[in-house]
N, C-alpha and C. Protein backbone atom coordinates (compact mmCIF):
# COMPACT_ATOMS: atom_id res chain seq x y z
N MET A 1 -51.32 10.12 -29.30
CA MET A 1 -51.36 10.74 -27.99
C MET A 1 -49.95 11.10 -27.51
N ILE A 2 -49.03 10.15 -27.60
CA ILE A 2 -47.67 10.41 -27.13
C ILE A 2 -46.99 11.49 -27.98
N THR A 3 -47.37 11.59 -29.25
CA THR A 3 -46.80 12.60 -30.13
C THR A 3 -47.18 14.00 -29.66
N TRP A 4 -48.40 14.17 -29.20
CA TRP A 4 -48.83 15.48 -28.72
C TRP A 4 -48.12 15.86 -27.43
N ILE A 5 -47.89 14.89 -26.57
CA ILE A 5 -47.14 15.15 -25.34
C ILE A 5 -45.71 15.55 -25.68
N TYR A 6 -45.10 14.83 -26.62
CA TYR A 6 -43.75 15.12 -27.07
C TYR A 6 -43.67 16.54 -27.65
N ARG A 7 -44.62 16.87 -28.50
CA ARG A 7 -44.63 18.21 -29.10
C ARG A 7 -44.84 19.29 -28.04
N GLY A 8 -45.65 19.00 -27.04
CA GLY A 8 -45.86 19.96 -25.95
C GLY A 8 -44.59 20.21 -25.15
N VAL A 9 -43.86 19.15 -24.86
CA VAL A 9 -42.60 19.30 -24.13
C VAL A 9 -41.59 20.08 -24.97
N VAL A 10 -41.50 19.75 -26.25
CA VAL A 10 -40.58 20.47 -27.14
C VAL A 10 -40.97 21.94 -27.24
N LEU A 11 -42.26 22.21 -27.34
CA LEU A 11 -42.72 23.60 -27.40
C LEU A 11 -42.37 24.35 -26.12
N LEU A 12 -42.54 23.72 -24.98
CA LEU A 12 -42.20 24.35 -23.71
C LEU A 12 -40.71 24.70 -23.66
N VAL A 13 -39.86 23.76 -24.03
CA VAL A 13 -38.42 24.01 -24.03
C VAL A 13 -38.06 25.09 -25.05
N LEU A 14 -38.72 25.06 -26.20
CA LEU A 14 -38.49 26.05 -27.24
C LEU A 14 -38.82 27.46 -26.74
N VAL A 15 -39.94 27.60 -26.07
CA VAL A 15 -40.34 28.91 -25.54
C VAL A 15 -39.36 29.39 -24.47
N LEU A 16 -38.94 28.49 -23.60
CA LEU A 16 -38.00 28.87 -22.55
C LEU A 16 -36.65 29.30 -23.12
N VAL A 17 -36.17 28.59 -24.13
CA VAL A 17 -34.90 28.96 -24.76
C VAL A 17 -35.05 30.28 -25.50
N ALA A 18 -36.18 30.49 -26.16
CA ALA A 18 -36.41 31.75 -26.87
C ALA A 18 -36.46 32.92 -25.89
N LEU A 19 -37.10 32.74 -24.76
CA LEU A 19 -37.13 33.80 -23.75
C LEU A 19 -35.73 34.10 -23.24
N ASP A 20 -34.94 33.07 -23.06
CA ASP A 20 -33.56 33.26 -22.63
C ASP A 20 -32.76 33.97 -23.71
N LEU A 21 -33.02 33.64 -24.96
CA LEU A 21 -32.32 34.27 -26.08
C LEU A 21 -32.56 35.78 -26.09
N PHE A 22 -33.81 36.18 -25.96
CA PHE A 22 -34.14 37.60 -26.04
C PHE A 22 -33.86 38.35 -24.74
N GLY A 23 -33.74 37.63 -23.64
CA GLY A 23 -33.46 38.28 -22.36
C GLY A 23 -31.97 38.39 -22.06
N GLU A 24 -31.17 37.70 -22.81
CA GLU A 24 -29.73 37.67 -22.57
C GLU A 24 -29.04 38.84 -23.27
N ARG A 25 -28.04 39.42 -22.62
CA ARG A 25 -27.33 40.54 -23.21
C ARG A 25 -25.99 40.11 -23.82
N ASP A 26 -25.45 39.02 -23.34
CA ASP A 26 -24.18 38.52 -23.85
C ASP A 26 -24.37 37.88 -25.23
N ARG A 27 -23.63 38.35 -26.21
CA ARG A 27 -23.78 37.87 -27.59
C ARG A 27 -23.46 36.39 -27.73
N ARG A 28 -22.49 35.91 -26.99
CA ARG A 28 -22.10 34.50 -27.08
C ARG A 28 -23.24 33.60 -26.59
N LYS A 29 -23.88 33.99 -25.50
CA LYS A 29 -25.00 33.21 -24.99
C LYS A 29 -26.21 33.28 -25.91
N GLN A 30 -26.40 34.44 -26.56
CA GLN A 30 -27.47 34.55 -27.55
C GLN A 30 -27.21 33.62 -28.73
N LEU A 31 -25.97 33.53 -29.16
CA LEU A 31 -25.61 32.65 -30.26
C LEU A 31 -25.86 31.19 -29.91
N VAL A 32 -25.48 30.80 -28.71
CA VAL A 32 -25.70 29.42 -28.26
C VAL A 32 -27.20 29.12 -28.21
N ALA A 33 -27.98 30.05 -27.69
CA ALA A 33 -29.44 29.85 -27.62
C ALA A 33 -30.03 29.74 -29.02
N ALA A 34 -29.55 30.54 -29.96
CA ALA A 34 -30.05 30.46 -31.34
C ALA A 34 -29.70 29.13 -31.98
N ILE A 35 -28.51 28.63 -31.69
CA ILE A 35 -28.11 27.32 -32.23
C ILE A 35 -28.97 26.21 -31.63
N VAL A 36 -29.32 26.34 -30.38
CA VAL A 36 -30.17 25.35 -29.72
C VAL A 36 -31.59 25.39 -30.28
N LEU A 37 -32.04 26.58 -30.69
CA LEU A 37 -33.40 26.72 -31.21
C LEU A 37 -33.62 25.96 -32.51
N VAL A 38 -32.61 25.88 -33.35
CA VAL A 38 -32.78 25.27 -34.67
C VAL A 38 -33.28 23.82 -34.58
N PRO A 39 -32.60 22.93 -33.84
CA PRO A 39 -33.13 21.56 -33.76
C PRO A 39 -34.48 21.46 -33.06
N LEU A 40 -34.73 22.38 -32.12
CA LEU A 40 -36.03 22.35 -31.43
C LEU A 40 -37.16 22.69 -32.39
N VAL A 41 -36.95 23.68 -33.25
CA VAL A 41 -37.97 24.03 -34.23
C VAL A 41 -38.18 22.87 -35.20
N LEU A 42 -37.09 22.25 -35.63
CA LEU A 42 -37.22 21.11 -36.54
C LEU A 42 -37.97 19.95 -35.87
N ARG A 43 -37.70 19.72 -34.59
CA ARG A 43 -38.41 18.66 -33.87
C ARG A 43 -39.89 19.00 -33.70
N LEU A 44 -40.19 20.26 -33.47
CA LEU A 44 -41.59 20.66 -33.33
C LEU A 44 -42.35 20.45 -34.63
N LEU A 45 -41.68 20.69 -35.74
CA LEU A 45 -42.30 20.50 -37.05
C LEU A 45 -42.22 19.04 -37.53
N MET A 46 -41.61 18.20 -36.70
CA MET A 46 -41.43 16.77 -36.98
C MET A 46 -40.58 16.54 -38.24
N LEU A 47 -39.57 17.37 -38.40
CA LEU A 47 -38.60 17.20 -39.47
C LEU A 47 -37.28 16.75 -38.88
N LYS A 48 -36.52 16.01 -39.66
CA LYS A 48 -35.21 15.57 -39.13
C LYS A 48 -34.09 16.26 -39.83
């Protein structure tokens, strides 16, 4: 049960960061958002 809640929170943050990535025009901020996405995707897939 707690795993599904954790995955839901990670998915929510992942979607918000992805929306920020595609909505941002500054390349530096896009790069930072892309770097942040990598660990979030790994956490969603339960990989370390």
